[in-house]
Amino acid sequence: MRWLERYWYRITPLHAVLFPLSLAFRAAVTVRRALYALGIARAARLPVPVVVVGNITVGGTGKTPLTLWLTRFLAEHGRAPGIVTRGYGGALVAPRRVFADSDPFACGDEAVLLARRGGRPVWAGADRAATARALLAAHPECDVVVSDDGLQHYALARVAEIVVLDGARRCGNGLLLPAGPLREPLSRLAAVDALVVNGAPEQEAFGAPGVPADRRFTMTLAGAVFHNLRDPRRKATREQFPRQRLHAVAGIGDPQRFFRHLEGLGLGFVAHPFPDHHAFSPANLAFAECDAVIMTEKDAVKCERFCDEKCWALAVDAHVDPRLGQLILQRLAG
């Protein structure tokens, strides 16, 4: 599938072949959504409200940082959220609690990062409804479930949907898979509760029909402190890397976003993009003429077991329009 990505942000002669496949995909998506809307296919309803943080495009948009921000916001406002996730990149099928020291190759890299940074119970599993039930059974104090991803998982009923849109890539060429990056038609945005644009002013989020201004929000990712993977107590800023031979690795949905962040910090480096959820090995970090290797927190959870003291991870946090939190609190209040 990755070879198709270069075609998702333009129109080429290949689309004469891809477009009919997109029409078939669109029909399947439309029928499936209609089955749930009409009650023919039934969605599981939990005893507590569910908030879904997802996207309509393939690839990373910033869902996990937003999930962390939202759970912190809810906890600060008297709620007790729990987090569920599919555990992409892991081998889990049955629901399982994820801890800060869980194996990312079993539970998924994002799930482990959520457990480390979220401060709330995190459960992962293939069936989100079953996973949410397991979370609530183990943590009856939780009064809201936040699903990291799962917008298209209609088998789990929800009271609020948040879509995250990458401010740089946006909706690509506006076509559905496989001709474009869309998982659902753009018209789907009219049904969501909030559209969050990551990394660009919300008024520039073109191609978002039916989403009024009071349901559009901005988000940025900020971070300038690195921690050492061998000794997390060691911290560093860009000033600690003067004239060093740096290599940057990123196995996320949009590696270029991480590289742009590093450039914004004034760092010079050799970039090494990898596929999303890449299973890193020592060979992936063995660079000649290297003083330091820098990576995302998501990649770090998979590399810390075999890395050396040259490896550093950059911590980032989402800065979000607080109006989004107030909107979700209103949805939770009914």
C-alpha atoms as a PDB file:
ATOM      1  CA  MET A   1       0.000   0.000   0.000  1.00  0.00           C
ATOM      2  CA  ARG A   2       2.845   2.419   0.762  1.00  0.00           C
ATOM      3  CA  TRP A   3       3.822   2.703  -2.890  1.00  0.00           C
ATOM      4  CA  LEU A   4       0.398   4.240  -3.517  1.00  0.00           C
ATOM      5  CA  GLU A   5       0.996   7.136  -1.139  1.00  0.00           C
ATOM      6  CA  ARG A   6       2.828   9.226  -3.715  1.00  0.00           C
ATOM      7  CA  TYR A   7      -0.362   9.168  -5.807  1.00  0.00           C
ATOM      8  CA  TRP A   8      -2.668  10.270  -2.995  1.00  0.00           C
ATOM      9  CA  TYR A   9      -1.819  13.949  -3.234  1.00  0.00           C
ATOM     10  CA  ARG A  10      -2.165  14.444  -6.986  1.00  0.00           C
ATOM     11  CA  ILE A  11      -4.019  13.125 -10.012  1.00  0.00           C
ATOM     12  CA  THR A  12      -2.065  10.968 -12.476  1.00  0.00           C
ATOM     13  CA  PRO A  13      -2.882   8.670 -15.403  1.00  0.00           C
ATOM     14  CA  LEU A  14      -2.832   5.776 -12.935  1.00  0.00           C
ATOM     15  CA  HIS A  15      -6.054   7.145 -11.457  1.00  0.00           C
ATOM     16  CA  ALA A  16      -7.917   5.967 -14.536  1.00  0.00           C
ATOM     17  CA  VAL A  17      -7.402   2.497 -13.032  1.00  0.00           C
ATOM     18  CA  LEU A  18      -7.625   3.473  -9.370  1.00  0.00           C
ATOM     19  CA  PHE A  19     -10.754   5.615  -9.545  1.00  0.00           C
ATOM     20  CA  PRO A  20     -13.192   2.746 -10.296  1.00  0.00           C
ATOM     21  CA  LEU A  21     -11.715   0.885  -7.324  1.00  0.00           C
ATOM     22  CA  SER A  22     -12.348   3.957  -5.182  1.00  0.00           C
ATOM     23  CA  LEU A  23     -15.977   4.005  -6.298  1.00  0.00           C
ATOM     24  CA  ALA A  24     -16.345   0.388  -5.207  1.00  0.00           C
ATOM     25  CA  PHE A  25     -14.697   1.186  -1.862  1.00  0.00           C
ATOM     26  CA  ARG A  26     -16.994   4.185  -1.407  1.00  0.00           C
ATOM     27  CA  ALA A  27     -20.050   2.011  -2.052  1.00  0.00           C
ATOM     28  CA  ALA A  28     -18.912  -0.539   0.525  1.00  0.00           C
ATOM     29  CA  VAL A  29     -18.245   2.198   3.103  1.00  0.00           C
ATOM     30  CA  THR A  30     -21.628   3.811   2.455  1.00  0.00           C
ATOM     31  CA  VAL A  31     -23.531   0.531   2.763  1.00  0.00           C
ATOM     32  CA  ARG A  32     -21.747  -0.417   5.966  1.00  0.00           C
ATOM     33  CA  ARG A  33     -22.479   2.939   7.604  1.00  0.00           C
ATOM     34  CA  ALA A  34     -26.111   2.736   6.490  1.00  0.00           C
ATOM     35  CA  LEU A  35     -26.500  -0.706   8.071  1.00  0.00           C
ATOM     36  CA  TYR A  36     -25.574   0.739  11.465  1.00  0.00           C
ATOM     37  CA  ALA A  37     -27.601   3.913  10.948  1.00  0.00           C
ATOM     38  CA  LEU A  38     -30.719   1.857  10.167  1.00  0.00           C
ATOM     39  CA  GLY A  39     -30.157  -0.506  13.084  1.00  0.00           C
ATOM     40  CA  ILE A  40     -29.682  -3.556  10.861  1.00  0.00           C
ATOM     41  CA  ALA A  41     -26.170  -3.901  12.270  1.00  0.00           C
ATOM     42  CA  ARG A  42     -26.149  -3.147  15.979  1.00  0.00           C
ATOM     43  CA  ALA A  43     -23.558  -1.121  17.807  1.00  0.00           C
ATOM     44  CA  ALA A  44     -22.557  -2.102  21.339  1.00  0.00           C
ATOM     45  CA  ARG A  45     -23.619   0.463  23.943  1.00  0.00           C
ATOM     46  CA  LEU A  46     -21.578   0.741  27.095  1.00  0.00           C
ATOM     47  CA  PRO A  47     -22.827   1.879  30.498  1.00  0.00           C
ATOM     48  CA  VAL A  48     -20.572   4.954  30.193  1.00  0.00           C
ATOM     49  CA  PRO A  49     -20.189   7.414  27.306  1.00  0.00           C
ATOM     50  CA  VAL A  50     -17.560   6.849  24.613  1.00  0.00           C
ATOM     51  CA  VAL A  51     -15.544   9.558  22.858  1.00  0.00           C
ATOM     52  CA  VAL A  52     -13.727   8.560  19.657  1.00  0.00           C
ATOM     53  CA  VAL A  53     -10.599  10.370  18.468  1.00  0.00           C
ATOM     54  CA  GLY A  54     -10.038   9.334  14.858  1.00  0.00           C
ATOM     55  CA  ASN A  55      -9.441  10.460  11.309  1.00  0.00           C
ATOM     56  CA  ILE A  56     -10.813   9.989   7.827  1.00  0.00           C
ATOM     57  CA  THR A  57      -7.411   9.698   6.170  1.00  0.00           C
ATOM     58  CA  VAL A  58      -4.752   7.004   6.164  1.00  0.00           C
ATOM     59  CA  GLY A  59      -1.608   7.817   8.089  1.00  0.00           C
ATOM     60  CA  GLY A  60      -0.719   9.716  11.202  1.00  0.00           C
ATOM     61  CA  THR A  61      -2.497  12.953  11.988  1.00  0.00           C
ATOM     62  CA  GLY A  62      -1.757  13.402  15.696  1.00  0.00           C
ATOM     63  CA  LYS A  63      -4.534  11.298  17.254  1.00  0.00           C
ATOM     64  CA  THR A  64      -2.417   9.925  20.097  1.00  0.00           C
ATOM     65  CA  PRO A  65      -1.172  13.329  21.355  1.00  0.00           C
ATOM     66  CA  LEU A  66      -4.739  14.610  21.167  1.00  0.00           C
ATOM     67  CA  THR A  67      -6.003  11.570  23.099  1.00  0.00           C
ATOM     68  CA  LEU A  68      -3.440  12.305  25.818  1.00  0.00           C
ATOM     69  CA  TRP A  69      -4.503  15.949  25.940  1.00  0.00           C
ATOM     70  CA  LEU A  70      -8.192  15.039  26.097  1.00  0.00           C
ATOM     71  CA  THR A  71      -7.796  12.492  28.895  1.00  0.00           C
ATOM     72  CA  ARG A  72      -5.798  15.011  30.944  1.00  0.00           C
ATOM     73  CA  PHE A  73      -8.430  17.679  30.316  1.00  0.00           C
ATOM     74  CA  LEU A  74     -11.252  15.364  31.368  1.00  0.00           C
ATOM     75  CA  ALA A  75      -9.399  14.264  34.517  1.00  0.00           C
ATOM     76  CA  GLU A  76      -8.742  17.888  35.441  1.00  0.00           C
ATOM     77  CA  HIS A  77     -12.470  18.559  35.135  1.00  0.00           C
ATOM     78  CA  GLY A  78     -13.628  15.802  37.456  1.00  0.00           C
ATOM     79  CA  ARG A  79     -14.044  12.887  35.025  1.00  0.00           C
ATOM     80  CA  ALA A  80     -12.317   9.505  35.280  1.00  0.00           C
ATOM     81  CA  PRO A  81     -11.422   8.474  31.709  1.00  0.00           C
ATOM     82  CA  GLY A  82     -10.105   5.141  30.541  1.00  0.00           C
ATOM     83  CA  ILE A  83      -8.408   4.622  27.162  1.00  0.00           C
ATOM     84  CA  VAL A  84      -8.952   1.858  24.615  1.00  0.00           C
ATOM     85  CA  THR A  85      -6.944   1.279  21.464  1.00  0.00           C
ATOM     86  CA  ARG A  86      -6.583  -1.330  18.757  1.00  0.00           C
ATOM     87  CA  GLY A  87      -2.893  -1.753  19.538  1.00  0.00           C
ATOM     88  CA  TYR A  88      -1.710  -1.375  15.944  1.00  0.00           C
ATOM     89  CA  GLY A  89       1.700  -2.867  15.351  1.00  0.00           C
ATOM     90  CA  GLY A  90       1.157  -5.381  18.156  1.00  0.00           C
ATOM     91  CA  ALA A  91       0.000  -8.973  18.227  1.00  0.00           C
ATOM     92  CA  LEU A  92      -2.883  -8.679  20.689  1.00  0.00           C
ATOM     93  CA  VAL A  93      -6.300 -10.101  19.847  1.00  0.00           C
ATOM     94  CA  ALA A  94      -7.967 -10.559  23.239  1.00  0.00           C
ATOM     95  CA  PRO A  95      -8.369  -7.467  25.468  1.00  0.00           C
ATOM     96  CA  ARG A  96      -5.433  -6.791  27.731  1.00  0.00           C
ATOM     97  CA  ARG A  97      -4.315  -4.006  30.015  1.00  0.00           C
ATOM     98  CA  VAL A  98      -1.255  -2.106  28.823  1.00  0.00           C
ATOM     99  CA  PHE A  99       1.350  -0.899  31.300  1.00  0.00           C
ATOM    100  CA  ALA A 100       4.275   1.482  30.942  1.00  0.00           C
ATOM    101  CA  ASP A 101       6.647  -1.492  30.709  1.00  0.00           C
ATOM    102  CA  SER A 102       4.481  -3.679  28.451  1.00  0.00           C
ATOM    103  CA  ASP A 103       6.000  -5.179  25.321  1.00  0.00           C
ATOM    104  CA  PRO A 104       5.235  -2.796  22.415  1.00  0.00           C
ATOM    105  CA  PHE A 105       5.602  -5.667  19.944  1.00  0.00           C
ATOM    106  CA  ALA A 106       2.722  -7.413  21.719  1.00  0.00           C
ATOM    107  CA  CYS A 107       0.538  -4.452  22.712  1.00  0.00           C
ATOM    108  CA  GLY A 108       1.442  -1.872  20.062  1.00  0.00           C
ATOM    109  CA  ASP A 109       3.762   1.125  20.295  1.00  0.00           C
ATOM    110  CA  GLU A 110       0.987   3.725  20.639  1.00  0.00           C
ATOM    111  CA  ALA A 111      -0.682   1.730  23.418  1.00  0.00           C
ATOM    112  CA  VAL A 112       2.517   1.644  25.466  1.00  0.00           C
ATOM    113  CA  LEU A 113       3.063   5.360  24.889  1.00  0.00           C
ATOM    114  CA  LEU A 114      -0.493   6.061  26.070  1.00  0.00           C
ATOM    115  CA  ALA A 115       0.146   4.006  29.206  1.00  0.00           C
ATOM    116  CA  ARG A 116       3.337   5.910  29.916  1.00  0.00           C
ATOM    117  CA  ARG A 117       2.055   9.387  29.288  1.00  0.00           C
ATOM    118  CA  GLY A 118      -1.670   9.193  29.986  1.00  0.00           C
ATOM    119  CA  GLY A 119      -1.802   8.482  33.696  1.00  0.00           C
ATOM    120  CA  ARG A 120      -5.041   6.562  33.110  1.00  0.00           C
ATOM    121  CA  PRO A 121      -5.892   2.858  32.527  1.00  0.00           C
ATOM    122  CA  VAL A 122      -5.142   1.745  28.958  1.00  0.00           C
ATOM    123  CA  TRP A 123      -6.511  -1.431  27.392  1.00  0.00           C
ATOM    124  CA  ALA A 124      -5.793  -2.785  23.915  1.00  0.00           C
ATOM    125  CA  GLY A 125      -7.525  -5.416  21.819  1.00  0.00           C
ATOM    126  CA  ALA A 126      -8.831  -6.216  18.360  1.00  0.00           C
ATOM    127  CA  ASP A 127     -12.505  -5.716  19.313  1.00  0.00           C
ATOM    128  CA  ARG A 128     -12.881  -2.228  20.783  1.00  0.00           C
ATOM    129  CA  ALA A 129     -16.292  -2.944  22.322  1.00  0.00           C
ATOM    130  CA  ALA A 130     -14.981  -6.054  24.099  1.00  0.00           C
ATOM    131  CA  THR A 131     -11.845  -4.162  25.096  1.00  0.00           C
ATOM    132  CA  ALA A 132     -13.901  -1.313  26.551  1.00  0.00           C
ATOM    133  CA  ARG A 133     -16.028  -3.762  28.539  1.00  0.00           C
ATOM    134  CA  ALA A 134     -12.884  -5.379  29.917  1.00  0.00           C
ATOM    135  CA  LEU A 135     -11.540  -1.971  30.903  1.00  0.00           C
ATOM    136  CA  LEU A 136     -14.742  -1.072  32.738  1.00  0.00           C
ATOM    137  CA  ALA A 137     -14.867  -4.426  34.499  1.00  0.00           C
ATOM    138  CA  ALA A 138     -11.319  -3.935  35.780  1.00  0.00           C
ATOM    139  CA  HIS A 139     -11.743  -0.211  36.490  1.00  0.00           C
ATOM    140  CA  PRO A 140     -15.338   0.479  37.545  1.00  0.00           C
ATOM    141  CA  GLU A 141     -14.321   3.987  38.580  1.00  0.00           C
ATOM    142  CA  CYS A 142     -13.970   5.003  34.917  1.00  0.00           C
ATOM    143  CA  ASP A 143     -16.947   7.100  33.846  1.00  0.00           C
ATOM    144  CA  VAL A 144     -15.935   7.766  30.217  1.00  0.00           C
ATOM    145  CA  VAL A 145     -14.034   5.755  27.598  1.00  0.00           C
ATOM    146  CA  VAL A 146     -11.758   7.526  25.119  1.00  0.00           C
ATOM    147  CA  SER A 147     -10.996   5.489  22.004  1.00  0.00           C
ATOM    148  CA  ASP A 148      -7.689   6.257  20.306  1.00  0.00           C
ATOM    149  CA  ASP A 149      -8.694   5.764  16.666  1.00  0.00           C
ATOM    150  CA  GLY A 150     -11.792   3.771  15.754  1.00  0.00           C
ATOM    151  CA  LEU A 151     -13.854   6.369  13.883  1.00  0.00           C
ATOM    152  CA  GLN A 152     -14.856   3.700  11.392  1.00  0.00           C
ATOM    153  CA  HIS A 153     -15.420   1.062  14.121  1.00  0.00           C
ATOM    154  CA  TYR A 154     -19.194   1.527  14.170  1.00  0.00           C
ATOM    155  CA  ALA A 155     -19.669  -1.589  16.284  1.00  0.00           C
ATOM    156  CA  LEU A 156     -18.926   0.637  19.301  1.00  0.00           C
ATOM    157  CA  ALA A 157     -21.535   3.336  19.939  1.00  0.00           C
ATOM    158  CA  ARG A 158     -20.247   6.767  20.875  1.00  0.00           C
ATOM    159  CA  VAL A 159     -21.572  10.087  22.157  1.00  0.00           C
ATOM    160  CA  ALA A 160     -18.896  12.217  20.503  1.00  0.00           C
ATOM    161  CA  GLU A 161     -16.557  11.945  17.525  1.00  0.00           C
ATOM    162  CA  ILE A 162     -13.407  14.013  17.039  1.00  0.00           C
ATOM    163  CA  VAL A 163     -11.626  13.942  13.691  1.00  0.00           C
ATOM    164  CA  VAL A 164      -7.989  15.024  13.486  1.00  0.00           C
ATOM    165  CA  LEU A 165      -6.821  16.429  10.153  1.00  0.00           C
ATOM    166  CA  ASP A 166      -3.166  16.962   9.296  1.00  0.00           C
ATOM    167  CA  GLY A 167      -2.713  20.659   8.510  1.00  0.00           C
ATOM    168  CA  ALA A 168      -0.012  20.015   5.905  1.00  0.00           C
ATOM    169  CA  ARG A 169      -1.321  16.966   4.030  1.00  0.00           C
ATOM    170  CA  ARG A 170      -5.005  17.676   4.716  1.00  0.00           C
ATOM    171  CA  CYS A 171      -7.236  15.447   2.571  1.00  0.00           C
ATOM    172  CA  GLY A 172      -4.813  14.862  -0.261  1.00  0.00           C
ATOM    173  CA  ASN A 173      -6.508  14.669  -3.651  1.00  0.00           C
ATOM    174  CA  GLY A 174      -9.904  14.210  -2.011  1.00  0.00           C
ATOM    175  CA  LEU A 175     -10.372  10.655  -3.274  1.00  0.00           C
ATOM    176  CA  LEU A 176     -11.078   7.482  -1.325  1.00  0.00           C
ATOM    177  CA  LEU A 177      -8.787   4.482  -1.118  1.00  0.00           C
ATOM    178  CA  PRO A 178      -6.970   3.304  -3.139  1.00  0.00           C
ATOM    179  CA  ALA A 179      -6.923   6.388  -5.399  1.00  0.00           C
ATOM    180  CA  GLY A 180      -6.572   8.763  -2.459  1.00  0.00           C
ATOM    181  CA  PRO A 181      -5.951   8.760   1.292  1.00  0.00           C
ATOM    182  CA  LEU A 182      -9.577   8.975   2.436  1.00  0.00           C
ATOM    183  CA  ARG A 183     -11.145   6.173   4.490  1.00  0.00           C
ATOM    184  CA  GLU A 184     -14.568   7.804   4.189  1.00  0.00           C
ATOM    185  CA  PRO A 185     -16.066  10.509   1.954  1.00  0.00           C
ATOM    186  CA  LEU A 186     -15.437  14.138   2.949  1.00  0.00           C
ATOM    187  CA  SER A 187     -19.166  14.465   3.572  1.00  0.00           C
ATOM    188  CA  ARG A 188     -18.591  12.313   6.682  1.00  0.00           C
ATOM    189  CA  LEU A 189     -17.144  15.389   8.385  1.00  0.00           C
ATOM    190  CA  ALA A 190     -20.618  16.918   8.570  1.00  0.00           C
ATOM    191  CA  ALA A 191     -21.617  14.242  11.093  1.00  0.00           C
ATOM    192  CA  VAL A 192     -18.699  14.572  13.522  1.00  0.00           C
ATOM    193  CA  ASP A 193     -18.758  16.699  16.662  1.00  0.00           C
ATOM    194  CA  ALA A 194     -15.375  18.339  16.164  1.00  0.00           C
ATOM    195  CA  LEU A 195     -12.710  18.767  13.496  1.00  0.00           C
ATOM    196  CA  VAL A 196      -9.223  19.398  14.872  1.00  0.00           C
ATOM    197  CA  VAL A 197      -6.610  20.710  12.439  1.00  0.00           C
ATOM    198  CA  ASN A 198      -3.099  19.773  13.494  1.00  0.00           C
ATOM    199  CA  GLY A 199      -0.426  22.243  12.472  1.00  0.00           C
ATOM    200  CA  ALA A 200      -2.298  24.873  10.446  1.00  0.00           C
ATOM    201  CA  PRO A 201      -4.850  27.630  11.083  1.00  0.00           C
ATOM    202  CA  GLU A 202      -8.341  26.156  11.054  1.00  0.00           C
ATOM    203  CA  GLN A 203      -9.539  28.574   8.390  1.00  0.00           C
ATOM    204  CA  GLU A 204      -7.086  26.910   6.018  1.00  0.00           C
ATOM    205  CA  ALA A 205      -8.768  23.525   6.482  1.00  0.00           C
ATOM    206  CA  PHE A 206     -10.432  23.554   3.104  1.00  0.00           C
ATOM    207  CA  GLY A 207     -12.365  20.542   1.957  1.00  0.00           C
ATOM    208  CA  ALA A 208     -14.363  20.204   5.176  1.00  0.00           C
ATOM    209  CA  PRO A 209     -17.968  20.531   4.036  1.00  0.00           C
ATOM    210  CA  GLY A 210     -20.666  20.871   6.663  1.00  0.00           C
ATOM    211  CA  VAL A 211     -18.344  21.649   9.567  1.00  0.00           C
ATOM    212  CA  PRO A 212     -19.294  25.045  11.049  1.00  0.00           C
ATOM    213  CA  ALA A 213     -16.722  27.329  12.615  1.00  0.00           C
ATOM    214  CA  ASP A 214     -17.786  26.496  16.172  1.00  0.00           C
ATOM    215  CA  ARG A 215     -16.877  22.850  15.566  1.00  0.00           C
ATOM    216  CA  ARG A 216     -13.403  23.543  14.126  1.00  0.00           C
ATOM    217  CA  PHE A 217     -10.417  23.697  16.439  1.00  0.00           C
ATOM    218  CA  THR A 218      -6.676  24.171  16.185  1.00  0.00           C
ATOM    219  CA  MET A 219      -3.892  22.008  17.560  1.00  0.00           C
ATOM    220  CA  THR A 220      -0.118  22.193  17.505  1.00  0.00           C
ATOM    221  CA  LEU A 221       2.569  19.813  18.721  1.00  0.00           C
ATOM    222  CA  ALA A 222       5.307  21.380  20.814  1.00  0.00           C
ATOM    223  CA  GLY A 223       8.449  19.922  22.341  1.00  0.00           C
ATOM    224  CA  ALA A 224      12.122  20.818  22.598  1.00  0.00           C
ATOM    225  CA  VAL A 225      13.483  18.496  25.288  1.00  0.00           C
ATOM    226  CA  PHE A 226      15.095  15.147  24.486  1.00  0.00           C
ATOM    227  CA  HIS A 227      15.581  12.299  26.952  1.00  0.00           C
ATOM    228  CA  ASN A 228      18.210   9.627  26.677  1.00  0.00           C
ATOM    229  CA  LEU A 229      16.896   6.118  26.013  1.00  0.00           C
ATOM    230  CA  ARG A 230      19.530   4.390  28.131  1.00  0.00           C
ATOM    231  CA  ASP A 231      19.166   6.813  31.026  1.00  0.00           C
ATOM    232  CA  PRO A 232      15.823   8.709  30.918  1.00  0.00           C
ATOM    233  CA  ARG A 233      17.064  10.965  33.710  1.00  0.00           C
ATOM    234  CA  ARG A 234      19.438  12.570  31.202  1.00  0.00           C
ATOM    235  CA  LYS A 235      17.809  15.466  29.376  1.00  0.00           C
ATOM    236  CA  ALA A 236      19.068  17.546  26.503  1.00  0.00           C
ATOM    237  CA  THR A 237      17.993  20.473  24.349  1.00  0.00           C
ATOM    238  CA  ARG A 238      19.169  21.378  20.879  1.00  0.00           C
ATOM    239  CA  GLU A 239      22.063  23.325  22.388  1.00  0.00           C
ATOM    240  CA  GLN A 240      23.546  19.990  23.511  1.00  0.00           C
ATOM    241  CA  PHE A 241      23.936  18.873  19.877  1.00  0.00           C
ATOM    242  CA  PRO A 242      26.175  21.582  18.352  1.00  0.00           C
ATOM    243  CA  ARG A 243      28.015  20.502  15.215  1.00  0.00           C
ATOM    244  CA  GLN A 244      27.262  16.865  15.976  1.00  0.00           C
ATOM    245  CA  ARG A 245      26.639  14.249  13.328  1.00  0.00           C
ATOM    246  CA  LEU A 246      22.946  13.564  13.914  1.00  0.00           C
ATOM    247  CA  HIS A 247      20.698  10.914  12.436  1.00  0.00           C
ATOM    248  CA  ALA A 248      16.919  11.115  12.830  1.00  0.00           C
ATOM    249  CA  VAL A 249      14.635   8.086  12.490  1.00  0.00           C
ATOM    250  CA  ALA A 250      10.847   8.093  12.347  1.00  0.00           C
ATOM    251  CA  GLY A 251       8.487   5.136  11.936  1.00  0.00           C
ATOM    252  CA  ILE A 252       5.252   7.102  12.162  1.00  0.00           C
ATOM    253  CA  GLY A 253       2.394   7.841   9.784  1.00  0.00           C
ATOM    254  CA  ASP A 254       4.050  11.031   8.499  1.00  0.00           C
ATOM    255  CA  PRO A 255       7.811  10.951   9.171  1.00  0.00           C
ATOM    256  CA  GLN A 256       8.250  14.307   7.463  1.00  0.00           C
ATOM    257  CA  ARG A 257       6.238  15.989  10.211  1.00  0.00           C
ATOM    258  CA  PHE A 258       8.833  14.858  12.765  1.00  0.00           C
ATOM    259  CA  PHE A 259      11.682  15.964  10.538  1.00  0.00           C
ATOM    260  CA  ARG A 260      10.087  19.381  10.042  1.00  0.00           C
ATOM    261  CA  HIS A 261       9.767  19.692  13.818  1.00  0.00           C
ATOM    262  CA  LEU A 262      13.486  18.991  14.223  1.00  0.00           C
ATOM    263  CA  GLU A 263      14.334  21.521  11.519  1.00  0.00           C
ATOM    264  CA  GLY A 264      12.206  24.042  13.368  1.00  0.00           C
ATOM    265  CA  LEU A 265      14.430  23.469  16.405  1.00  0.00           C
ATOM    266  CA  GLY A 266      17.421  24.397  14.269  1.00  0.00           C
ATOM    267  CA  LEU A 267      18.924  20.916  14.072  1.00  0.00           C
ATOM    268  CA  GLY A 268      20.826  19.547  11.105  1.00  0.00           C
ATOM    269  CA  PHE A 269      20.555  15.790  10.580  1.00  0.00           C
ATOM    270  CA  VAL A 270      20.335  12.901   8.144  1.00  0.00           C
ATOM    271  CA  ALA A 271      16.699  11.785   7.889  1.00  0.00           C
ATOM    272  CA  HIS A 272      15.734   8.105   7.867  1.00  0.00           C
ATOM    273  CA  PRO A 273      11.971   7.563   7.334  1.00  0.00           C
ATOM    274  CA  PHE A 274      10.465   4.153   8.082  1.00  0.00           C
ATOM    275  CA  PRO A 275       6.935   2.739   7.661  1.00  0.00           C
ATOM    276  CA  ASP A 276       4.392   3.426  10.395  1.00  0.00           C
ATOM    277  CA  HIS A 277       4.717   0.990  13.344  1.00  0.00           C
ATOM    278  CA  HIS A 278       8.054  -0.220  11.973  1.00  0.00           C
ATOM    279  CA  ALA A 279       9.597  -3.063  14.001  1.00  0.00           C
ATOM    280  CA  PHE A 280      12.969  -1.472  14.649  1.00  0.00           C
ATOM    281  CA  SER A 281      16.089  -3.597  15.043  1.00  0.00           C
ATOM    282  CA  PRO A 282      19.639  -2.681  16.092  1.00  0.00           C
ATOM    283  CA  ALA A 283      20.673  -2.595  12.428  1.00  0.00           C
ATOM    284  CA  ASN A 284      18.221   0.269  11.820  1.00  0.00           C
ATOM    285  CA  LEU A 285      20.178   2.452  14.258  1.00  0.00           C
ATOM    286  CA  ALA A 286      23.701   1.445  13.215  1.00  0.00           C
ATOM    287  CA  PHE A 287      24.878   4.552  11.374  1.00  0.00           C
ATOM    288  CA  ALA A 288      28.454   5.276  10.422  1.00  0.00           C
ATOM    289  CA  GLU A 289      29.876   8.616  11.554  1.00  0.00           C
ATOM    290  CA  CYS A 290      27.142   9.151  14.101  1.00  0.00           C
ATOM    291  CA  ASP A 291      27.249  11.134  17.332  1.00  0.00           C
ATOM    292  CA  ALA A 292      23.545  10.847  18.192  1.00  0.00           C
ATOM    293  CA  VAL A 293      20.328   9.244  16.952  1.00  0.00           C
ATOM    294  CA  ILE A 294      17.085  11.110  17.627  1.00  0.00           C
ATOM    295  CA  MET A 295      13.604   9.671  17.316  1.00  0.00           C
ATOM    296  CA  THR A 296       9.964  10.044  18.344  1.00  0.00           C
ATOM    297  CA  GLU A 297       8.643   8.780  21.675  1.00  0.00           C
ATOM    298  CA  LYS A 298       6.522   6.266  19.779  1.00  0.00           C
ATOM    299  CA  ASP A 299       9.617   4.764  18.146  1.00  0.00           C
ATOM    300  CA  ALA A 300      11.608   4.959  21.375  1.00  0.00           C
ATOM    301  CA  VAL A 301       9.378   2.431  23.176  1.00  0.00           C
ATOM    302  CA  LYS A 302      10.513  -0.163  20.626  1.00  0.00           C
ATOM    303  CA  CYS A 303      14.185   0.814  20.546  1.00  0.00           C
ATOM    304  CA  GLU A 304      15.068   1.306  24.199  1.00  0.00           C
ATOM    305  CA  ARG A 305      15.711  -2.403  24.768  1.00  0.00           C
ATOM    306  CA  PHE A 306      18.661  -2.557  22.421  1.00  0.00           C
ATOM    307  CA  CYS A 307      19.804   1.032  21.870  1.00  0.00           C
ATOM    308  CA  ASP A 308      23.001   2.578  23.219  1.00  0.00           C
ATOM    309  CA  GLU A 309      23.691   5.887  24.944  1.00  0.00           C
ATOM    310  CA  LYS A 310      23.687   7.731  21.608  1.00  0.00           C
ATOM    311  CA  CYS A 311      19.885   7.420  21.274  1.00  0.00           C
ATOM    312  CA  TRP A 312      17.551  10.231  22.283  1.00  0.00           C
ATOM    313  CA  ALA A 313      13.764  10.678  22.056  1.00  0.00           C
ATOM    314  CA  LEU A 314      11.879  13.944  21.665  1.00  0.00           C
ATOM    315  CA  ALA A 315       8.829  14.390  23.876  1.00  0.00           C
ATOM    316  CA  VAL A 316       5.961  16.399  22.347  1.00  0.00           C
ATOM    317  CA  ASP A 317       2.681  17.607  23.780  1.00  0.00           C
ATOM    318  CA  ALA A 318      -0.494  18.741  22.053  1.00  0.00           C
ATOM    319  CA  HIS A 319      -1.572  22.341  22.528  1.00  0.00           C
ATOM    320  CA  VAL A 320      -5.281  22.417  21.772  1.00  0.00           C
ATOM    321  CA  ASP A 321      -7.979  25.052  21.681  1.00  0.00           C
ATOM    322  CA  PRO A 322      -9.615  24.644  25.132  1.00  0.00           C
ATOM    323  CA  ARG A 323     -13.036  25.149  23.542  1.00  0.00           C
ATOM    324  CA  LEU A 324     -12.737  21.546  22.356  1.00  0.00           C
ATOM    325  CA  GLY A 325     -12.619  20.278  25.929  1.00  0.00           C
ATOM    326  CA  GLN A 326     -15.666  22.313  26.862  1.00  0.00           C
ATOM    327  CA  LEU A 327     -17.563  20.913  23.873  1.00  0.00           C
ATOM    328  CA  ILE A 328     -16.765  17.341  24.899  1.00  0.00           C
ATOM    329  CA  LEU A 329     -17.847  18.041  28.473  1.00  0.00           C
ATOM    330  CA  GLN A 330     -21.168  19.264  27.090  1.00  0.00           C
ATOM    331  CA  ARG A 331     -21.584  16.092  25.044  1.00  0.00           C
ATOM    332  CA  LEU A 332     -20.820  13.967  28.101  1.00  0.00           C
ATOM    333  CA  ALA A 333     -23.394  15.869  30.147  1.00  0.00           C
ATOM    334  CA  GLY A 334     -26.022  14.789  27.672  1.00  0.00           C
END
